[in-house]
C-alpha atoms as a PDB file:
ATOM      1  CA  UNK A   1     -12.547 101.981  68.278  1.00  0.00           C
ATOM      2  CA  UNK A   2     -13.762  99.070  66.175  1.00  0.00           C
ATOM      3  CA  UNK A   3     -13.159  95.387  66.623  1.00  0.00           C
ATOM      4  CA  UNK A   4     -10.430  93.811  64.513  1.00  0.00           C
ATOM      5  CA  UNK A   5     -11.418  91.285  61.872  1.00  0.00           C
ATOM      6  CA  UNK A   6      -9.662  88.546  63.851  1.00  0.00           C
ATOM      7  CA  UNK A   7     -11.536  89.501  67.017  1.00  0.00           C
ATOM      8  CA  UNK A   8     -14.853  89.601  65.138  1.00  0.00           C
ATOM      9  CA  UNK A   9     -14.232  86.050  63.870  1.00  0.00           C
ATOM     10  CA  UNK A  10     -13.358  84.904  67.402  1.00  0.00           C
ATOM     11  CA  UNK A  11     -16.488  86.587  68.792  1.00  0.00           C
ATOM     12  CA  UNK A  12     -18.683  84.924  66.207  1.00  0.00           C
ATOM     13  CA  UNK A  13     -17.040  81.576  66.981  1.00  0.00           C
ATOM     14  CA  UNK A  14     -17.704  82.087  70.694  1.00  0.00           C
ATOM     15  CA  UNK A  15     -21.401  82.713  70.031  1.00  0.00           C
ATOM     16  CA  UNK A  16     -21.660  79.596  67.828  1.00  0.00           C
ATOM     17  CA  UNK A  17     -19.827  77.445  70.402  1.00  0.00           C
ATOM     18  CA  UNK A  18     -22.032  78.654  73.262  1.00  0.00           C
ATOM     19  CA  UNK A  19     -25.158  78.134  71.162  1.00  0.00           C
ATOM     20  CA  UNK A  20     -24.144  74.618  70.128  1.00  0.00           C
ATOM     21  CA  UNK A  21     -23.603  73.627  73.749  1.00  0.00           C
ATOM     22  CA  UNK A  22     -26.983  75.006  74.835  1.00  0.00           C
ATOM     23  CA  UNK A  23     -28.860  73.652  71.817  1.00  0.00           C
ATOM     24  CA  UNK A  24     -27.430  70.168  72.351  1.00  0.00           C
ATOM     25  CA  UNK A  25     -28.278  70.231  76.061  1.00  0.00           C
ATOM     26  CA  UNK A  26     -31.794  71.615  75.884  1.00  0.00           C
ATOM     27  CA  UNK A  27     -32.946  71.875  72.283  1.00  0.00           C
ATOM     28  CA  UNK A  28     -33.037  74.845  69.946  1.00  0.00           C
ATOM     29  CA  UNK A  29     -36.537  76.062  70.835  1.00  0.00           C
ATOM     30  CA  UNK A  30     -35.814  76.006  74.583  1.00  0.00           C
ATOM     31  CA  UNK A  31     -32.914  78.485  74.302  1.00  0.00           C
ATOM     32  CA  UNK A  32     -33.777  82.154  74.067  1.00  0.00           C
ATOM     33  CA  UNK A  33     -31.587  84.852  72.599  1.00  0.00           C
ATOM     34  CA  UNK A  34     -31.008  86.563  75.978  1.00  0.00           C
ATOM     35  CA  UNK A  35     -29.736  83.336  77.561  1.00  0.00           C
ATOM     36  CA  UNK A  36     -27.651  82.527  74.534  1.00  0.00           C
ATOM     37  CA  UNK A  37     -25.905  85.902  74.345  1.00  0.00           C
ATOM     38  CA  UNK A  38     -25.293  85.882  78.096  1.00  0.00           C
ATOM     39  CA  UNK A  39     -23.691  82.417  77.879  1.00  0.00           C
ATOM     40  CA  UNK A  40     -21.444  83.658  75.082  1.00  0.00           C
ATOM     41  CA  UNK A  41     -20.566  86.823  76.999  1.00  0.00           C
ATOM     42  CA  UNK A  42     -22.253  89.268  74.622  1.00  0.00           C
ATOM     43  CA  UNK A  43     -25.221  91.590  74.568  1.00  0.00           C
ATOM     44  CA  UNK A  44     -28.141  91.081  72.202  1.00  0.00           C
ATOM     45  CA  UNK A  45     -26.839  94.018  70.211  1.00  0.00           C
ATOM     46  CA  UNK A  46     -23.496  92.278  69.946  1.00  0.00           C
ATOM     47  CA  UNK A  47     -25.269  89.175  68.686  1.00  0.00           C
ATOM     48  CA  UNK A  48     -26.832  91.118  65.805  1.00  0.00           C
ATOM     49  CA  UNK A  49     -23.395  92.318  64.752  1.00  0.00           C
ATOM     50  CA  UNK A  50     -22.702  88.688  63.756  1.00  0.00           C
ATOM     51  CA  UNK A  51     -26.079  87.136  62.895  1.00  0.00           C
ATOM     52  CA  UNK A  52     -29.185  88.632  61.332  1.00  0.00           C
ATOM     53  CA  UNK A  53     -31.469  86.228  63.227  1.00  0.00           C
ATOM     54  CA  UNK A  54     -31.606  83.179  65.476  1.00  0.00           C
ATOM     55  CA  UNK A  55     -32.227  81.095  62.336  1.00  0.00           C
ATOM     56  CA  UNK A  56     -28.916  82.308  60.886  1.00  0.00           C
ATOM     57  CA  UNK A  57     -27.193  81.302  64.115  1.00  0.00           C
ATOM     58  CA  UNK A  58     -28.866  77.883  64.094  1.00  0.00           C
ATOM     59  CA  UNK A  59     -27.647  77.332  60.536  1.00  0.00           C
ATOM     60  CA  UNK A  60     -24.079  78.241  61.574  1.00  0.00           C
ATOM     61  CA  UNK A  61     -24.320  75.934  64.621  1.00  0.00           C
ATOM     62  CA  UNK A  62     -25.552  73.065  62.453  1.00  0.00           C
ATOM     63  CA  UNK A  63     -22.759  73.552  59.951  1.00  0.00           C
ATOM     64  CA  UNK A  64     -20.173  73.582  62.739  1.00  0.00           C
ATOM     65  CA  UNK A  65     -21.757  70.527  64.385  1.00  0.00           C
ATOM     66  CA  UNK A  66     -21.740  68.559  61.114  1.00  0.00           C
ATOM     67  CA  UNK A  67     -18.076  69.442  60.532  1.00  0.00           C
ATOM     68  CA  UNK A  68     -17.220  68.329  64.063  1.00  0.00           C
ATOM     69  CA  UNK A  69     -19.170  65.113  63.587  1.00  0.00           C
ATOM     70  CA  UNK A  70     -17.334  64.453  60.320  1.00  0.00           C
ATOM     71  CA  UNK A  71     -13.999  64.921  62.075  1.00  0.00           C
ATOM     72  CA  UNK A  72     -15.106  62.543  64.819  1.00  0.00           C
ATOM     73  CA  UNK A  73     -16.119  59.822  62.345  1.00  0.00           C
ATOM     74  CA  UNK A  74     -13.069  60.287  60.119  1.00  0.00           C
ATOM     75  CA  UNK A  75     -10.735  60.134  63.123  1.00  0.00           C
ATOM     76  CA  UNK A  76     -12.368  56.934  64.381  1.00  0.00           C
ATOM     77  CA  UNK A  77     -12.245  55.241  60.985  1.00  0.00           C
ATOM     78  CA  UNK A  78      -8.608  56.215  60.436  1.00  0.00           C
ATOM     79  CA  UNK A  79      -7.636  54.944  63.904  1.00  0.00           C
ATOM     80  CA  UNK A  80      -9.324  51.623  63.134  1.00  0.00           C
ATOM     81  CA  UNK A  81      -7.371  51.265  59.900  1.00  0.00           C
ATOM     82  CA  UNK A  82      -4.090  52.079  61.643  1.00  0.00           C
ATOM     83  CA  UNK A  83      -4.798  49.491  64.323  1.00  0.00           C
ATOM     84  CA  UNK A  84      -6.150  46.892  61.859  1.00  0.00           C
ATOM     85  CA  UNK A  85      -9.520  46.788  63.639  1.00  0.00           C
ATOM     86  CA  UNK A  86     -12.851  46.387  61.827  1.00  0.00           C
ATOM     87  CA  UNK A  87     -13.892  50.072  61.535  1.00  0.00           C
ATOM     88  CA  UNK A  88     -17.657  49.495  61.468  1.00  0.00           C
ATOM     89  CA  UNK A  89     -17.646  47.223  64.503  1.00  0.00           C
ATOM     90  CA  UNK A  90     -15.445  49.658  66.400  1.00  0.00           C
ATOM     91  CA  UNK A  91     -17.764  52.521  65.460  1.00  0.00           C
ATOM     92  CA  UNK A  92     -20.795  50.598  66.731  1.00  0.00           C
ATOM     93  CA  UNK A  93     -18.987  49.839  70.011  1.00  0.00           C
ATOM     94  CA  UNK A  94     -18.124  53.524  70.489  1.00  0.00           C
ATOM     95  CA  UNK A  95     -21.461  54.903  69.320  1.00  0.00           C
ATOM     96  CA  UNK A  96     -23.458  52.685  71.676  1.00  0.00           C
ATOM     97  CA  UNK A  97     -21.134  53.102  74.642  1.00  0.00           C
ATOM     98  CA  UNK A  98     -22.035  54.657  78.001  1.00  0.00           C
ATOM     99  CA  UNK A  99     -19.372  57.329  77.390  1.00  0.00           C
ATOM    100  CA  UNK A 100     -20.948  58.438  74.107  1.00  0.00           C
ATOM    101  CA  UNK A 101     -24.429  58.295  75.615  1.00  0.00           C
ATOM    102  CA  UNK A 102     -23.310  60.720  78.326  1.00  0.00           C
ATOM    103  CA  UNK A 103     -21.449  63.019  75.932  1.00  0.00           C
ATOM    104  CA  UNK A 104     -24.364  65.017  74.470  1.00  0.00           C
ATOM    105  CA  UNK A 105     -22.185  68.135  74.167  1.00  0.00           C
ATOM    106  CA  UNK A 106     -19.500  66.624  71.966  1.00  0.00           C
ATOM    107  CA  UNK A 107     -20.946  63.338  70.660  1.00  0.00           C
ATOM    108  CA  UNK A 108     -22.547  62.680  67.292  1.00  0.00           C
ATOM    109  CA  UNK A 109     -24.534  65.762  66.245  1.00  0.00           C
ATOM    110  CA  UNK A 110     -26.873  63.678  64.105  1.00  0.00           C
ATOM    111  CA  UNK A 111     -28.302  62.150  67.278  1.00  0.00           C
ATOM    112  CA  UNK A 112     -28.094  65.340  69.318  1.00  0.00           C
ATOM    113  CA  UNK A 113     -30.163  67.346  66.807  1.00  0.00           C
ATOM    114  CA  UNK A 114     -32.437  64.594  65.458  1.00  0.00           C
ATOM    115  CA  UNK A 115     -35.397  65.735  67.549  1.00  0.00           C
ATOM    116  CA  UNK A 116     -35.018  69.384  66.576  1.00  0.00           C
ATOM    117  CA  UNK A 117     -34.057  69.346  62.946  1.00  0.00           C
ATOM    118  CA  UNK A 118     -37.489  69.133  61.340  1.00  0.00           C
ATOM    119  CA  UNK A 119     -38.512  72.374  63.119  1.00  0.00           C
ATOM    120  CA  UNK A 120     -35.439  74.327  62.028  1.00  0.00           C
ATOM    121  CA  UNK A 121     -34.927  76.630  59.076  1.00  0.00           C
ATOM    122  CA  UNK A 122     -34.189  75.341  55.609  1.00  0.00           C
ATOM    123  CA  UNK A 123     -30.452  76.029  55.730  1.00  0.00           C
ATOM    124  CA  UNK A 124     -30.018  74.101  59.004  1.00  0.00           C
ATOM    125  CA  UNK A 125     -32.141  71.209  57.702  1.00  0.00           C
ATOM    126  CA  UNK A 126     -30.065  71.027  54.529  1.00  0.00           C
ATOM    127  CA  UNK A 127     -26.833  71.029  56.524  1.00  0.00           C
ATOM    128  CA  UNK A 128     -28.159  68.189  58.682  1.00  0.00           C
ATOM    129  CA  UNK A 129     -29.221  66.226  55.571  1.00  0.00           C
ATOM    130  CA  UNK A 130     -25.776  66.688  54.000  1.00  0.00           C
ATOM    131  CA  UNK A 131     -24.135  65.525  57.235  1.00  0.00           C
ATOM    132  CA  UNK A 132     -26.383  62.470  57.416  1.00  0.00           C
ATOM    133  CA  UNK A 133     -25.751  61.527  53.776  1.00  0.00           C
ATOM    134  CA  UNK A 134     -22.000  61.946  54.268  1.00  0.00           C
ATOM    135  CA  UNK A 135     -22.034  59.689  57.354  1.00  0.00           C
ATOM    136  CA  UNK A 136     -23.985  57.000  55.487  1.00  0.00           C
ATOM    137  CA  UNK A 137     -21.485  57.182  52.609  1.00  0.00           C
ATOM    138  CA  UNK A 138     -18.503  56.845  54.952  1.00  0.00           C
ATOM    139  CA  UNK A 139     -20.008  53.850  56.738  1.00  0.00           C
ATOM    140  CA  UNK A 140     -20.946  52.228  53.421  1.00  0.00           C
ATOM    141  CA  UNK A 141     -17.321  52.569  52.341  1.00  0.00           C
ATOM    142  CA  UNK A 142     -16.105  50.485  55.303  1.00  0.00           C
ATOM    143  CA  UNK A 143     -18.861  47.887  55.461  1.00  0.00           C
ATOM    144  CA  UNK A 144     -17.795  44.567  54.021  1.00  0.00           C
ATOM    145  CA  UNK A 145     -19.256  43.520  50.697  1.00  0.00           C
ATOM    146  CA  UNK A 146     -18.890  43.942  46.970  1.00  0.00           C
ATOM    147  CA  UNK A 147     -22.208  45.420  45.905  1.00  0.00           C
ATOM    148  CA  UNK A 148     -22.287  49.211  46.549  1.00  0.00           C
ATOM    149  CA  UNK A 149     -26.103  49.338  46.779  1.00  0.00           C
ATOM    150  CA  UNK A 150     -26.205  46.542  49.359  1.00  0.00           C
ATOM    151  CA  UNK A 151     -23.415  48.177  51.354  1.00  0.00           C
ATOM    152  CA  UNK A 152     -25.367  51.457  51.375  1.00  0.00           C
ATOM    153  CA  UNK A 153     -28.560  49.702  52.504  1.00  0.00           C
ATOM    154  CA  UNK A 154     -26.656  48.027  55.295  1.00  0.00           C
ATOM    155  CA  UNK A 155     -25.020  51.327  56.307  1.00  0.00           C
ATOM    156  CA  UNK A 156     -28.420  53.043  56.494  1.00  0.00           C
ATOM    157  CA  UNK A 157     -29.847  50.213  58.603  1.00  0.00           C
ATOM    158  CA  UNK A 158     -26.857  50.108  60.945  1.00  0.00           C
ATOM    159  CA  UNK A 159     -26.723  53.876  61.391  1.00  0.00           C
ATOM    160  CA  UNK A 160     -30.473  54.153  61.910  1.00  0.00           C
ATOM    161  CA  UNK A 161     -30.339  51.474  64.612  1.00  0.00           C
ATOM    162  CA  UNK A 162     -27.394  53.165  66.335  1.00  0.00           C
ATOM    163  CA  UNK A 163     -29.086  56.585  66.360  1.00  0.00           C
ATOM    164  CA  UNK A 164     -32.385  55.126  67.576  1.00  0.00           C
ATOM    165  CA  UNK A 165     -30.767  53.147  70.381  1.00  0.00           C
ATOM    166  CA  UNK A 166     -28.683  56.127  71.485  1.00  0.00           C
ATOM    167  CA  UNK A 167     -31.675  58.477  71.466  1.00  0.00           C
ATOM    168  CA  UNK A 168     -33.817  56.064  73.485  1.00  0.00           C
ATOM    169  CA  UNK A 169     -31.032  55.427  75.940  1.00  0.00           C
ATOM    170  CA  UNK A 170     -30.517  59.158  76.487  1.00  0.00           C
ATOM    171  CA  UNK A 171     -34.261  59.697  76.787  1.00  0.00           C
ATOM    172  CA  UNK A 172     -34.528  57.397  79.807  1.00  0.00           C
ATOM    173  CA  UNK A 173     -31.028  57.777  81.290  1.00  0.00           C
ATOM    174  CA  UNK A 174     -32.131  59.867  84.284  1.00  0.00           C
ATOM    175  CA  UNK A 175     -35.509  58.205  84.869  1.00  0.00           C
ATOM    176  CA  UNK A 176     -34.339  54.599  84.444  1.00  0.00           C
ATOM    177  CA  UNK A 177     -30.547  54.181  84.211  1.00  0.00           C
ATOM    178  CA  UNK A 178     -30.803  50.383  84.124  1.00  0.00           C
ATOM    179  CA  UNK A 179     -33.078  50.526  81.057  1.00  0.00           C
ATOM    180  CA  UNK A 180     -30.749  53.066  79.401  1.00  0.00           C
ATOM    181  CA  UNK A 181     -27.812  50.694  79.910  1.00  0.00           C
ATOM    182  CA  UNK A 182     -29.855  47.744  78.650  1.00  0.00           C
ATOM    183  CA  UNK A 183     -30.804  49.598  75.459  1.00  0.00           C
ATOM    184  CA  UNK A 184     -27.165  50.447  74.755  1.00  0.00           C
ATOM    185  CA  UNK A 185     -25.837  46.979  75.624  1.00  0.00           C
ATOM    186  CA  UNK A 186     -28.452  44.978  73.722  1.00  0.00           C
ATOM    187  CA  UNK A 187     -28.484  47.349  70.760  1.00  0.00           C
ATOM    188  CA  UNK A 188     -24.694  47.108  70.506  1.00  0.00           C
ATOM    189  CA  UNK A 189     -24.678  43.301  70.830  1.00  0.00           C
ATOM    190  CA  UNK A 190     -27.408  42.824  68.214  1.00  0.00           C
ATOM    191  CA  UNK A 191     -25.688  45.106  65.706  1.00  0.00           C
ATOM    192  CA  UNK A 192     -22.303  43.458  66.224  1.00  0.00           C
ATOM    193  CA  UNK A 193     -23.906  40.048  65.753  1.00  0.00           C
ATOM    194  CA  UNK A 194     -25.589  41.155  62.519  1.00  0.00           C
ATOM    195  CA  UNK A 195     -22.302  42.645  61.266  1.00  0.00           C
ATOM    196  CA  UNK A 196     -20.470  39.430  62.152  1.00  0.00           C
ATOM    197  CA  UNK A 197     -22.875  37.244  60.140  1.00  0.00           C
END
């Protein structure tokens, strides 16, 4: 007896979710197909019922991660508007917080996959690039100023600094927690100061 269309969609979603978790934790190259299918509760044969290759799975994971990241940013910006809080400053405070630093599994995918993306297939790289461009556009929309080009430049600079600080903080979090905290704290303070000027 075959699997229903609904069950097939759920199975594919389970594989993508398991893969995203593992890829975020350890990197795409470090996760083999056997480990991935086991984590999702499928056999390798079951995997190939849904994806023609690991590259196809990586592309699906990246698309899902970018959608989740977009929802995260949109939700934060909308909450800021509802509470009459400066959305860019609030985003910086959240992005460079200890909670976000520790949340590799569900935090910003642009940071989580930054080290991997250049080694991935074209479809995954394009999905990442679209997600990055969309994030920059959203931040540019909420940065104060009149000139759209200047707002975009500022959004790129702010986002680049946030991603860099978060990546460095995560890189040393286990080896030197005090340095990881310092990077987050000082990066956050400097960005908020620049945004306040």
